[in-house]
PDB file of N, CA and C in Angstrom:
ATOM      1  N   MET A   1       0.971  -1.025  -0.003  1.00  0.00           N
ATOM      2  CA  MET A   1      -0.104  -0.227   0.008  1.00  0.00           C
ATOM      3  C   MET A   1       0.794   1.142  -0.056  1.00  0.00           C
ATOM      4  N   LYS A   2       0.251   2.218  -0.655  1.00  0.00           N
ATOM      5  CA  LYS A   2       1.286   3.588  -0.664  1.00  0.00           C
ATOM      6  C   LYS A   2       1.067   4.083   0.454  1.00  0.00           C
ATOM      7  N   THR A   3       1.930   4.985   1.296  1.00  0.00           N
ATOM      8  CA  THR A   3       1.883   5.790   2.290  1.00  0.00           C
ATOM      9  C   THR A   3       1.196   7.096   1.589  1.00  0.00           C
ATOM     10  N   LYS A   4       0.707   7.689   2.875  1.00  0.00           N
ATOM     11  CA  LYS A   4      -0.131   9.202   2.611  1.00  0.00           C
ATOM     12  C   LYS A   4       0.791  10.122   1.848  1.00  0.00           C
ATOM     13  N   ASP A   5       2.137  10.133   2.113  1.00  0.00           N
ATOM     14  CA  ASP A   5       3.152  10.862   1.153  1.00  0.00           C
ATOM     15  C   ASP A   5       3.312  10.560  -0.151  1.00  0.00           C
ATOM     16  N   GLU A   6       2.924   9.552  -0.493  1.00  0.00           N
ATOM     17  CA  GLU A   6       2.933   8.925  -1.913  1.00  0.00           C
ATOM     18  C   GLU A   6       1.741   9.185  -2.655  1.00  0.00           C
ATOM     19  N   LEU A   7       0.633   9.621  -1.877  1.00  0.00           N
ATOM     20  CA  LEU A   7      -0.509   9.957  -2.627  1.00  0.00           C
ATOM     21  C   LEU A   7      -0.729  11.284  -2.518  1.00  0.00           C
ATOM     22  N   PRO A   8      -1.477  11.776  -3.877  1.00  0.00           N
ATOM     23  CA  PRO A   8      -1.955  13.319  -4.394  1.00  0.00           C
ATOM     24  C   PRO A   8      -2.607  13.899  -2.939  1.00  0.00           C
ATOM     25  N   ASP A   9      -2.222  15.204  -2.940  1.00  0.00           N
ATOM     26  CA  ASP A   9      -3.307  15.629  -2.006  1.00  0.00           C
ATOM     27  C   ASP A   9      -4.692  15.720  -1.825  1.00  0.00           C
ATOM     28  N   CYS A  10      -5.158  15.585  -3.252  1.00  0.00           N
ATOM     29  CA  CYS A  10      -6.713  15.791  -3.620  1.00  0.00           C
ATOM     30  C   CYS A  10      -7.091  14.455  -3.516  1.00  0.00           C
ATOM     31  N   PRO A  11      -8.285  14.043  -3.044  1.00  0.00           N
ATOM     32  CA  PRO A  11      -8.977  12.813  -2.712  1.00  0.00           C
ATOM     33  C   PRO A  11      -9.412  12.302  -4.133  1.00  0.00           C
ATOM     34  N   VAL A  12      -9.792  13.230  -5.139  1.00  0.00           N
ATOM     35  CA  VAL A  12     -10.127  12.937  -6.384  1.00  0.00           C
ATOM     36  C   VAL A  12      -8.972  12.449  -7.431  1.00  0.00           C
ATOM     37  N   ALA A  13      -7.899  12.817  -6.774  1.00  0.00           N
ATOM     38  CA  ALA A  13      -6.594  12.469  -7.698  1.00  0.00           C
ATOM     39  C   ALA A  13      -6.162  11.424  -6.928  1.00  0.00           C
ATOM     40  N   THR A  14      -6.321  10.958  -5.855  1.00  0.00           N
ATOM     41  CA  THR A  14      -5.869   9.815  -5.186  1.00  0.00           C
ATOM     42  C   THR A  14      -6.831   8.760  -5.761  1.00  0.00           C
ATOM     43  N   THR A  15      -7.966   8.902  -6.000  1.00  0.00           N
ATOM     44  CA  THR A  15      -9.054   7.776  -6.462  1.00  0.00           C
ATOM     45  C   THR A  15      -8.368   7.468  -7.984  1.00  0.00           C
ATOM     46  N   VAL A  16      -8.508   8.616  -8.574  1.00  0.00           N
ATOM     47  CA  VAL A  16      -7.855   8.243  -9.902  1.00  0.00           C
ATOM     48  C   VAL A  16      -6.550   7.421 -10.141  1.00  0.00           C
ATOM     49  N   SER A  17      -5.654   7.899  -9.228  1.00  0.00           N
ATOM     50  CA  SER A  17      -4.094   7.250  -9.365  1.00  0.00           C
ATOM     51  C   SER A  17      -4.319   5.549  -9.070  1.00  0.00           C
ATOM     52  N   LEU A  18      -5.284   5.449  -8.226  1.00  0.00           N
ATOM     53  CA  LEU A  18      -5.413   3.828  -7.889  1.00  0.00           C
ATOM     54  C   LEU A  18      -6.050   2.967  -8.608  1.00  0.00           C
ATOM     55  N   ILE A  19      -7.146   3.642  -9.289  1.00  0.00           N
ATOM     56  CA  ILE A  19      -8.293   2.915  -9.974  1.00  0.00           C
ATOM     57  C   ILE A  19      -8.556   3.862 -11.545  1.00  0.00           C
ATOM     58  N   GLY A  20      -8.032   4.618 -11.640  1.00  0.00           N
ATOM     59  CA  GLY A  20      -8.134   5.347 -12.935  1.00  0.00           C
ATOM     60  C   GLY A  20      -8.073   4.892 -14.217  1.00  0.00           C
ATOM     61  N   SER A  21      -7.232   3.692 -14.370  1.00  0.00           N
ATOM     62  CA  SER A  21      -7.034   3.237 -15.521  1.00  0.00           C
ATOM     63  C   SER A  21      -8.276   2.465 -16.332  1.00  0.00           C
ATOM     64  N   LYS A  22      -8.503   2.525 -17.470  1.00  0.00           N
ATOM     65  CA  LYS A  22      -9.537   1.861 -18.259  1.00  0.00           C
ATOM     66  C   LYS A  22      -9.715   0.420 -17.573  1.00  0.00           C
ATOM     67  N   TRP A  23      -8.555  -0.252 -17.642  1.00  0.00           N
ATOM     68  CA  TRP A  23      -8.663  -1.843 -17.508  1.00  0.00           C
ATOM     69  C   TRP A  23      -9.050  -2.041 -15.967  1.00  0.00           C
ATOM     70  N   LYS A  24      -8.226  -1.268 -15.108  1.00  0.00           N
ATOM     71  CA  LYS A  24      -8.484  -1.549 -13.547  1.00  0.00           C
ATOM     72  C   LYS A  24     -10.040  -1.227 -13.382  1.00  0.00           C
ATOM     73  N   LEU A  25     -10.334  -0.440 -13.922  1.00  0.00           N
ATOM     74  CA  LEU A  25     -12.145  -0.103 -13.663  1.00  0.00           C
ATOM     75  C   LEU A  25     -12.993  -1.581 -14.187  1.00  0.00           C
ATOM     76  N   LEU A  26     -12.375  -1.840 -15.400  1.00  0.00           N
ATOM     77  CA  LEU A  26     -13.087  -3.053 -15.817  1.00  0.00           C
ATOM     78  C   LEU A  26     -13.117  -4.415 -14.947  1.00  0.00           C
ATOM     79  N   ILE A  27     -11.716  -4.303 -14.647  1.00  0.00           N
ATOM     80  CA  ILE A  27     -11.325  -5.524 -13.874  1.00  0.00           C
ATOM     81  C   ILE A  27     -12.150  -5.341 -12.554  1.00  0.00           C
ATOM     82  N   ILE A  28     -11.986  -4.411 -11.809  1.00  0.00           N
ATOM     83  CA  ILE A  28     -13.230  -4.182 -10.514  1.00  0.00           C
ATOM     84  C   ILE A  28     -14.656  -4.736 -11.067  1.00  0.00           C
ATOM     85  N   ARG A  29     -15.236  -4.239 -11.938  1.00  0.00           N
ATOM     86  CA  ARG A  29     -16.384  -4.487 -12.505  1.00  0.00           C
ATOM     87  C   ARG A  29     -16.658  -5.998 -12.366  1.00  0.00           C
ATOM     88  N   ASN A  30     -15.730  -6.712 -13.099  1.00  0.00           N
ATOM     89  CA  ASN A  30     -15.789  -8.153 -13.136  1.00  0.00           C
ATOM     90  C   ASN A  30     -15.500  -8.679 -11.807  1.00  0.00           C
ATOM     91  N   LEU A  31     -14.718  -8.579 -10.984  1.00  0.00           N
ATOM     92  CA  LEU A  31     -14.508  -8.851  -9.558  1.00  0.00           C
ATOM     93  C   LEU A  31     -15.642  -8.368  -8.647  1.00  0.00           C
ATOM     94  N   LEU A  32     -16.374  -7.393  -9.024  1.00  0.00           N
ATOM     95  CA  LEU A  32     -17.541  -7.209  -8.026  1.00  0.00           C
ATOM     96  C   LEU A  32     -18.626  -8.454  -8.098  1.00  0.00           C
ATOM     97  N   THR A  33     -18.691  -9.226  -9.027  1.00  0.00           N
ATOM     98  CA  THR A  33     -19.920 -10.157  -9.285  1.00  0.00           C
ATOM     99  C   THR A  33     -19.271 -11.617  -8.741  1.00  0.00           C
ATOM    100  N   ARG A  34     -17.822 -11.932  -8.708  1.00  0.00           N
ATOM    101  CA  ARG A  34     -17.411 -13.119  -8.064  1.00  0.00           C
ATOM    102  C   ARG A  34     -15.921 -13.138  -8.228  1.00  0.00           C
ATOM    103  N   PRO A  35     -15.048 -14.142  -7.679  1.00  0.00           N
ATOM    104  CA  PRO A  35     -13.761 -14.416  -7.984  1.00  0.00           C
ATOM    105  C   PRO A  35     -13.384 -14.923  -9.343  1.00  0.00           C
ATOM    106  N   TRP A  36     -12.515 -14.317 -10.084  1.00  0.00           N
ATOM    107  CA  TRP A  36     -11.908 -14.701 -11.088  1.00  0.00           C
ATOM    108  C   TRP A  36     -10.496 -15.498 -11.283  1.00  0.00           C
ATOM    109  N   ARG A  37     -10.261 -16.352 -12.181  1.00  0.00           N
ATOM    110  CA  ARG A  37      -8.949 -16.614 -12.581  1.00  0.00           C
ATOM    111  C   ARG A  37      -8.430 -15.758 -13.400  1.00  0.00           C
ATOM    112  N   PHE A  38      -7.254 -15.549 -13.668  1.00  0.00           N
ATOM    113  CA  PHE A  38      -6.286 -14.824 -14.224  1.00  0.00           C
ATOM    114  C   PHE A  38      -7.021 -15.142 -16.019  1.00  0.00           C
ATOM    115  N   ASN A  39      -7.275 -16.167 -16.534  1.00  0.00           N
ATOM    116  CA  ASN A  39      -7.283 -16.539 -17.778  1.00  0.00           C
ATOM    117  C   ASN A  39      -8.784 -16.386 -18.039  1.00  0.00           C
ATOM    118  N   GLU A  40      -9.657 -16.107 -17.097  1.00  0.00           N
ATOM    119  CA  GLU A  40     -11.162 -15.872 -17.169  1.00  0.00           C
ATOM    120  C   GLU A  40     -10.953 -14.173 -17.508  1.00  0.00           C
ATOM    121  N   LEU A  41     -10.332 -13.702 -16.610  1.00  0.00           N
ATOM    122  CA  LEU A  41     -10.517 -12.202 -16.979  1.00  0.00           C
ATOM    123  C   LEU A  41      -9.908 -11.870 -18.320  1.00  0.00           C
ATOM    124  N   LYS A  42      -8.726 -12.451 -18.622  1.00  0.00           N
ATOM    125  CA  LYS A  42      -7.924 -12.277 -20.144  1.00  0.00           C
ATOM    126  C   LYS A  42      -9.181 -12.511 -21.244  1.00  0.00           C
ATOM    127  N   LYS A  43      -9.663 -13.716 -20.996  1.00  0.00           N
ATOM    128  CA  LYS A  43     -10.790 -13.825 -22.218  1.00  0.00           C
ATOM    129  C   LYS A  43     -12.051 -12.882 -22.223  1.00  0.00           C
ATOM    130  N   ASP A  44     -12.606 -12.591 -20.897  1.00  0.00           N
ATOM    131  CA  ASP A  44     -13.539 -11.599 -20.832  1.00  0.00           C
ATOM    132  C   ASP A  44     -13.175  -9.983 -21.093  1.00  0.00           C
ATOM    133  N   LEU A  45     -11.820  -9.748 -20.702  1.00  0.00           N
ATOM    134  CA  LEU A  45     -11.726  -8.256 -21.055  1.00  0.00           C
ATOM    135  C   LEU A  45     -11.138  -7.942 -22.647  1.00  0.00           C
ATOM    136  N   ASP A  46     -11.817  -8.245 -23.315  1.00  0.00           N
ATOM    137  CA  ASP A  46     -11.345  -7.807 -25.033  1.00  0.00           C
ATOM    138  C   ASP A  46     -10.308  -6.806 -25.257  1.00  0.00           C
ATOM    139  N   GLY A  47      -9.234  -7.330 -25.698  1.00  0.00           N
ATOM    140  CA  GLY A  47      -8.484  -6.330 -25.891  1.00  0.00           C
ATOM    141  C   GLY A  47      -7.159  -6.045 -25.225  1.00  0.00           C
ATOM    142  N   ILE A  48      -7.385  -6.508 -23.699  1.00  0.00           N
ATOM    143  CA  ILE A  48      -6.304  -6.615 -22.566  1.00  0.00           C
ATOM    144  C   ILE A  48      -5.059  -7.378 -23.099  1.00  0.00           C
ATOM    145  N   SER A  49      -3.824  -6.908 -22.896  1.00  0.00           N
ATOM    146  CA  SER A  49      -2.680  -7.643 -23.215  1.00  0.00           C
ATOM    147  C   SER A  49      -2.397  -8.300 -21.858  1.00  0.00           C
ATOM    148  N   GLN A  50      -1.565  -9.753 -22.042  1.00  0.00           N
ATOM    149  CA  GLN A  50      -1.468 -10.071 -20.659  1.00  0.00           C
ATOM    150  C   GLN A  50      -0.743  -9.490 -19.787  1.00  0.00           C
ATOM    151  N   LYS A  51       0.630  -8.620 -20.218  1.00  0.00           N
ATOM    152  CA  LYS A  51       1.317  -7.443 -19.132  1.00  0.00           C
ATOM    153  C   LYS A  51       0.275  -7.008 -18.471  1.00  0.00           C
ATOM    154  N   VAL A  52      -0.357  -6.115 -19.351  1.00  0.00           N
ATOM    155  CA  VAL A  52      -1.179  -5.072 -18.636  1.00  0.00           C
ATOM    156  C   VAL A  52      -2.264  -5.774 -17.645  1.00  0.00           C
ATOM    157  N   LEU A  53      -2.705  -6.783 -18.034  1.00  0.00           N
ATOM    158  CA  LEU A  53      -3.602  -7.557 -16.821  1.00  0.00           C
ATOM    159  C   LEU A  53      -2.655  -7.910 -15.693  1.00  0.00           C
ATOM    160  N   THR A  54      -1.804  -8.523 -15.866  1.00  0.00           N
ATOM    161  CA  THR A  54      -0.653  -8.853 -14.850  1.00  0.00           C
ATOM    162  C   THR A  54      -0.169  -7.417 -14.121  1.00  0.00           C
ATOM    163  N   ASP A  55      -0.046  -6.505 -14.760  1.00  0.00           N
ATOM    164  CA  ASP A  55       0.552  -5.343 -13.633  1.00  0.00           C
ATOM    165  C   ASP A  55      -0.637  -4.518 -12.783  1.00  0.00           C
ATOM    166  N   SER A  56      -1.732  -4.776 -13.822  1.00  0.00           N
ATOM    167  CA  SER A  56      -3.032  -3.969 -13.013  1.00  0.00           C
ATOM    168  C   SER A  56      -3.330  -4.868 -11.946  1.00  0.00           C
ATOM    169  N   LEU A  57      -3.329  -5.972 -11.875  1.00  0.00           N
ATOM    170  CA  LEU A  57      -3.581  -6.988 -10.784  1.00  0.00           C
ATOM    171  C   LEU A  57      -2.715  -6.866  -9.615  1.00  0.00           C
ATOM    172  N   ARG A  58      -1.328  -7.124 -10.079  1.00  0.00           N
ATOM    173  CA  ARG A  58      -0.282  -6.708  -9.012  1.00  0.00           C
ATOM    174  C   ARG A  58      -0.440  -5.357  -8.429  1.00  0.00           C
ATOM    175  N   SER A  59      -0.805  -4.339  -9.230  1.00  0.00           N
ATOM    176  CA  SER A  59      -0.571  -2.828  -8.578  1.00  0.00           C
ATOM    177  C   SER A  59      -2.188  -2.865  -7.746  1.00  0.00           C
ATOM    178  N   MET A  60      -3.105  -3.235  -8.208  1.00  0.00           N
ATOM    179  CA  MET A  60      -4.174  -2.957  -7.270  1.00  0.00           C
ATOM    180  C   MET A  60      -4.180  -4.131  -5.847  1.00  0.00           C
ATOM    181  N   GLU A  61      -3.287  -5.436  -6.060  1.00  0.00           N
ATOM    182  CA  GLU A  61      -3.137  -6.338  -5.002  1.00  0.00           C
ATOM    183  C   GLU A  61      -1.932  -5.599  -3.768  1.00  0.00           C
ATOM    184  N   GLU A  62      -1.255  -4.600  -4.522  1.00  0.00           N
ATOM    185  CA  GLU A  62      -0.218  -4.076  -3.733  1.00  0.00           C
ATOM    186  C   GLU A  62      -0.797  -2.828  -2.885  1.00  0.00           C
ATOM    187  N   ASP A  63      -2.002  -2.281  -3.537  1.00  0.00           N
ATOM    188  CA  ASP A  63      -2.454  -1.065  -2.896  1.00  0.00           C
ATOM    189  C   ASP A  63      -3.712  -1.517  -2.288  1.00  0.00           C
ATOM    190  N   GLY A  64      -3.930  -3.079  -1.858  1.00  0.00           N
ATOM    191  CA  GLY A  64      -4.821  -3.340  -0.756  1.00  0.00           C
ATOM    192  C   GLY A  64      -6.220  -3.537  -1.562  1.00  0.00           C
ATOM    193  N   ILE A  65      -6.657  -3.299  -3.131  1.00  0.00           N
ATOM    194  CA  ILE A  65      -7.766  -3.440  -3.534  1.00  0.00           C
ATOM    195  C   ILE A  65      -8.347  -4.718  -3.889  1.00  0.00           C
ATOM    196  N   VAL A  66      -7.146  -5.847  -4.290  1.00  0.00           N
ATOM    197  CA  VAL A  66      -7.398  -6.995  -4.876  1.00  0.00           C
ATOM    198  C   VAL A  66      -6.681  -7.825  -3.749  1.00  0.00           C
ATOM    199  N   THR A  67      -7.098  -9.403  -3.759  1.00  0.00           N
ATOM    200  CA  THR A  67      -6.593 -10.311  -3.154  1.00  0.00           C
ATOM    201  C   THR A  67      -6.404 -11.378  -3.986  1.00  0.00           C
ATOM    202  N   ARG A  68      -5.192 -12.401  -4.026  1.00  0.00           N
ATOM    203  CA  ARG A  68      -4.785 -13.344  -4.649  1.00  0.00           C
ATOM    204  C   ARG A  68      -4.560 -14.451  -3.701  1.00  0.00           C
ATOM    205  N   THR A  69      -5.442 -15.390  -4.162  1.00  0.00           N
ATOM    206  CA  THR A  69      -5.248 -16.811  -3.480  1.00  0.00           C
ATOM    207  C   THR A  69      -4.786 -17.808  -4.183  1.00  0.00           C
ATOM    208  N   VAL A  70      -3.995 -18.429  -4.003  1.00  0.00           N
ATOM    209  CA  VAL A  70      -3.045 -19.800  -4.646  1.00  0.00           C
ATOM    210  C   VAL A  70      -3.827 -20.858  -3.919  1.00  0.00           C
ATOM    211  N   TYR A  71      -4.353 -21.668  -4.758  1.00  0.00           N
ATOM    212  CA  TYR A  71      -4.643 -23.101  -4.371  1.00  0.00           C
ATOM    213  C   TYR A  71      -3.617 -24.209  -4.545  1.00  0.00           C
ATOM    214  N   ALA A  72      -3.412 -25.008  -3.428  1.00  0.00           N
ATOM    215  CA  ALA A  72      -2.129 -26.042  -3.735  1.00  0.00           C
ATOM    216  C   ALA A  72      -2.975 -27.032  -4.247  1.00  0.00           C
ATOM    217  N   GLU A  73      -3.106 -27.117  -5.552  1.00  0.00           N
ATOM    218  CA  GLU A  73      -3.524 -28.185  -6.741  1.00  0.00           C
ATOM    219  C   GLU A  73      -2.558 -28.363  -7.524  1.00  0.00           C
ATOM    220  N   VAL A  74      -3.018 -29.215  -8.414  1.00  0.00           N
ATOM    221  CA  VAL A  74      -2.168 -29.510  -9.687  1.00  0.00           C
ATOM    222  C   VAL A  74      -3.071 -29.692 -11.022  1.00  0.00           C
ATOM    223  N   PRO A  75      -2.681 -28.903 -11.567  1.00  0.00           N
ATOM    224  CA  PRO A  75      -2.047 -27.478 -11.881  1.00  0.00           C
ATOM    225  C   PRO A  75      -2.561 -26.440 -10.576  1.00  0.00           C
ATOM    226  N   PRO A  76      -1.601 -25.579 -10.446  1.00  0.00           N
ATOM    227  CA  PRO A  76      -1.847 -24.551  -9.337  1.00  0.00           C
ATOM    228  C   PRO A  76      -3.146 -23.875  -9.843  1.00  0.00           C
ATOM    229  N   ARG A  77      -4.119 -23.130  -9.025  1.00  0.00           N
ATOM    230  CA  ARG A  77      -5.275 -22.521  -9.152  1.00  0.00           C
ATOM    231  C   ARG A  77      -4.963 -21.269  -8.510  1.00  0.00           C
ATOM    232  N   VAL A  78      -5.210 -20.013  -9.214  1.00  0.00           N
ATOM    233  CA  VAL A  78      -4.970 -18.841  -8.438  1.00  0.00           C
ATOM    234  C   VAL A  78      -6.536 -17.925  -8.962  1.00  0.00           C
ATOM    235  N   GLU A  79      -6.934 -17.410  -7.775  1.00  0.00           N
ATOM    236  CA  GLU A  79      -7.961 -16.603  -8.020  1.00  0.00           C
ATOM    237  C   GLU A  79      -7.732 -15.230  -7.601  1.00  0.00           C
ATOM    238  N   TYR A  80      -8.542 -14.385  -8.211  1.00  0.00           N
ATOM    239  CA  TYR A  80      -8.430 -12.879  -7.772  1.00  0.00           C
ATOM    240  C   TYR A  80      -9.761 -12.548  -7.481  1.00  0.00           C
ATOM    241  N   ALA A  81      -9.761 -11.617  -6.223  1.00  0.00           N
ATOM    242  CA  ALA A  81     -11.134 -11.380  -5.529  1.00  0.00           C
ATOM    243  C   ALA A  81     -11.027  -9.838  -5.188  1.00  0.00           C
ATOM    244  N   LEU A  82     -11.913  -9.232  -4.974  1.00  0.00           N
ATOM    245  CA  LEU A  82     -11.934  -7.919  -4.148  1.00  0.00           C
ATOM    246  C   LEU A  82     -11.811  -8.126  -2.436  1.00  0.00           C
ATOM    247  N   SER A  83     -10.920  -7.282  -2.093  1.00  0.00           N
ATOM    248  CA  SER A  83     -10.563  -7.183  -0.693  1.00  0.00           C
ATOM    249  C   SER A  83     -11.899  -6.326  -0.145  1.00  0.00           C
ATOM    250  N   GLU A  84     -11.934  -6.400   1.148  1.00  0.00           N
ATOM    251  CA  GLU A  84     -12.820  -5.509   1.804  1.00  0.00           C
ATOM    252  C   GLU A  84     -12.846  -4.057   1.149  1.00  0.00           C
ATOM    253  N   LEU A  85     -11.524  -3.446   1.089  1.00  0.00           N
ATOM    254  CA  LEU A  85     -11.468  -2.220   0.677  1.00  0.00           C
ATOM    255  C   LEU A  85     -11.893  -2.162  -0.757  1.00  0.00           C
ATOM    256  N   GLY A  86     -11.691  -3.210  -1.632  1.00  0.00           N
ATOM    257  CA  GLY A  86     -11.988  -3.151  -2.936  1.00  0.00           C
ATOM    258  C   GLY A  86     -13.631  -2.752  -3.109  1.00  0.00           C
ATOM    259  N   GLU A  87     -14.226  -3.741  -2.293  1.00  0.00           N
ATOM    260  CA  GLU A  87     -15.728  -3.841  -2.067  1.00  0.00           C
ATOM    261  C   GLU A  87     -16.450  -2.594  -1.968  1.00  0.00           C
ATOM    262  N   SER A  88     -15.589  -1.840  -1.069  1.00  0.00           N
ATOM    263  CA  SER A  88     -16.081  -0.434  -0.930  1.00  0.00           C
ATOM    264  C   SER A  88     -16.164   0.129  -2.386  1.00  0.00           C
ATOM    265  N   LEU A  89     -15.824  -0.204  -3.360  1.00  0.00           N
ATOM    266  CA  LEU A  89     -15.751   0.527  -4.376  1.00  0.00           C
ATOM    267  C   LEU A  89     -17.008   0.390  -5.264  1.00  0.00           C
ATOM    268  N   ARG A  90     -17.889  -0.509  -4.642  1.00  0.00           N
ATOM    269  CA  ARG A  90     -18.987  -0.554  -5.308  1.00  0.00           C
ATOM    270  C   ARG A  90     -20.005   0.487  -5.555  1.00  0.00           C
ATOM    271  N   PRO A  91     -20.200   1.097  -4.573  1.00  0.00           N
ATOM    272  CA  PRO A  91     -21.061   2.359  -4.952  1.00  0.00           C
ATOM    273  C   PRO A  91     -20.518   3.412  -5.972  1.00  0.00           C
ATOM    274  N   ILE A  92     -19.090   3.285  -6.044  1.00  0.00           N
ATOM    275  CA  ILE A  92     -18.532   4.294  -7.097  1.00  0.00           C
ATOM    276  C   ILE A  92     -18.959   3.635  -8.419  1.00  0.00           C
ATOM    277  N   LEU A  93     -18.832   2.473  -8.534  1.00  0.00           N
ATOM    278  CA  LEU A  93     -19.239   1.714  -9.980  1.00  0.00           C
ATOM    279  C   LEU A  93     -20.472   1.690 -10.309  1.00  0.00           C
ATOM    280  N   ASP A  94     -21.321   1.446  -9.152  1.00  0.00           N
ATOM    281  CA  ASP A  94     -22.771   1.721  -9.517  1.00  0.00           C
ATOM    282  C   ASP A  94     -23.382   2.842  -9.892  1.00  0.00           C
ATOM    283  N   ALA A  95     -22.704   3.868  -9.647  1.00  0.00           N
ATOM    284  CA  ALA A  95     -23.113   5.399  -9.764  1.00  0.00           C
ATOM    285  C   ALA A  95     -22.273   5.299 -11.284  1.00  0.00           C
ATOM    286  N   MET A  96     -21.354   4.870 -11.811  1.00  0.00           N
ATOM    287  CA  MET A  96     -20.675   4.989 -13.157  1.00  0.00           C
ATOM    288  C   MET A  96     -21.573   4.140 -13.931  1.00  0.00           C
ATOM    289  N   LEU A  97     -22.261   3.522 -13.204  1.00  0.00           N
ATOM    290  CA  LEU A  97     -23.258   2.055 -14.418  1.00  0.00           C
ATOM    291  C   LEU A  97     -24.517   3.312 -14.267  1.00  0.00           C
ATOM    292  N   ALA A  98     -24.934   3.606 -13.406  1.00  0.00           N
ATOM    293  CA  ALA A  98     -26.346   4.519 -13.629  1.00  0.00           C
ATOM    294  C   ALA A  98     -26.068   5.708 -14.629  1.00  0.00           C
ATOM    295  N   TRP A  99     -24.925   6.104 -14.436  1.00  0.00           N
ATOM    296  CA  TRP A  99     -24.565   7.512 -15.403  1.00  0.00           C
ATOM    297  C   TRP A  99     -24.502   7.162 -16.706  1.00  0.00           C
ATOM    298  N   GLY A 100     -23.808   5.897 -16.912  1.00  0.00           N
ATOM    299  CA  GLY A 100     -23.579   5.580 -18.307  1.00  0.00           C
ATOM    300  C   GLY A 100     -24.896   5.167 -18.782  1.00  0.00           C
ATOM    301  N   ASN A 101     -25.865   4.645 -18.326  1.00  0.00           N
ATOM    302  CA  ASN A 101     -27.125   4.270 -18.797  1.00  0.00           C
ATOM    303  C   ASN A 101     -27.884   5.530 -19.054  1.00  0.00           C
ATOM    304  N   ALA A 102     -27.801   6.554 -18.096  1.00  0.00           N
ATOM    305  CA  ALA A 102     -28.790   7.533 -18.280  1.00  0.00           C
ATOM    306  C   ALA A 102     -27.933   8.461 -19.606  1.00  0.00           C
ATOM    307  N   TYR A 103     -26.929   8.601 -19.849  1.00  0.00           N
ATOM    308  CA  TYR A 103     -26.101   9.178 -20.789  1.00  0.00           C
ATOM    309  C   TYR A 103     -26.525   8.465 -22.142  1.00  0.00           C
ATOM    310  N   LYS A 104     -26.243   6.915 -22.284  1.00  0.00           N
ATOM    311  CA  LYS A 104     -27.106   6.355 -23.199  1.00  0.00           C
ATOM    312  C   LYS A 104     -28.576   6.637 -23.462  1.00  0.00           C
ATOM    313  N   GLY A 105     -29.211   6.743 -22.600  1.00  0.00           N
ATOM    314  CA  GLY A 105     -30.529   7.099 -22.969  1.00  0.00           C
ATOM    315  C   GLY A 105     -30.782   8.730 -23.383  1.00  0.00           C
ATOM    316  N   ALA A 106     -29.781   9.529 -23.422  1.00  0.00           N
ATOM    317  CA  ALA A 106     -29.936  10.766 -23.593  1.00  0.00           C
ATOM    318  C   ALA A 106     -29.324  10.869 -25.206  1.00  0.00           C
ATOM    319  N   VAL A 107     -28.948  10.101 -25.643  1.00  0.00           N
ATOM    320  CA  VAL A 107     -28.423  10.615 -27.113  1.00  0.00           C
ATOM    321  C   VAL A 107     -28.827   9.798 -28.113  1.00  0.00           C
TER     322      VAL A 107
END
């Protein structure tokens, strides 16, 4: 997790720095429904590269938004899920969903 000194002073800028990329928002959207495996996310997020998905998941894990669980199986299974902090983003994404639907209805 970043320290207070590493984050912008502005709370909106802090939020954008943590989840502001297109791919992070879409990953979070998916993880709000259930835990996902890496290849499931890669397949569902049309156009994302393996590197960008890996980097985004690692970044959000470091920031405490996503948890990574490795199951001791053969072959190993890894699942990504939202942490409690990540779950607290639900109202933000719900508001984005509502706004997006309203915008689509207005055009």
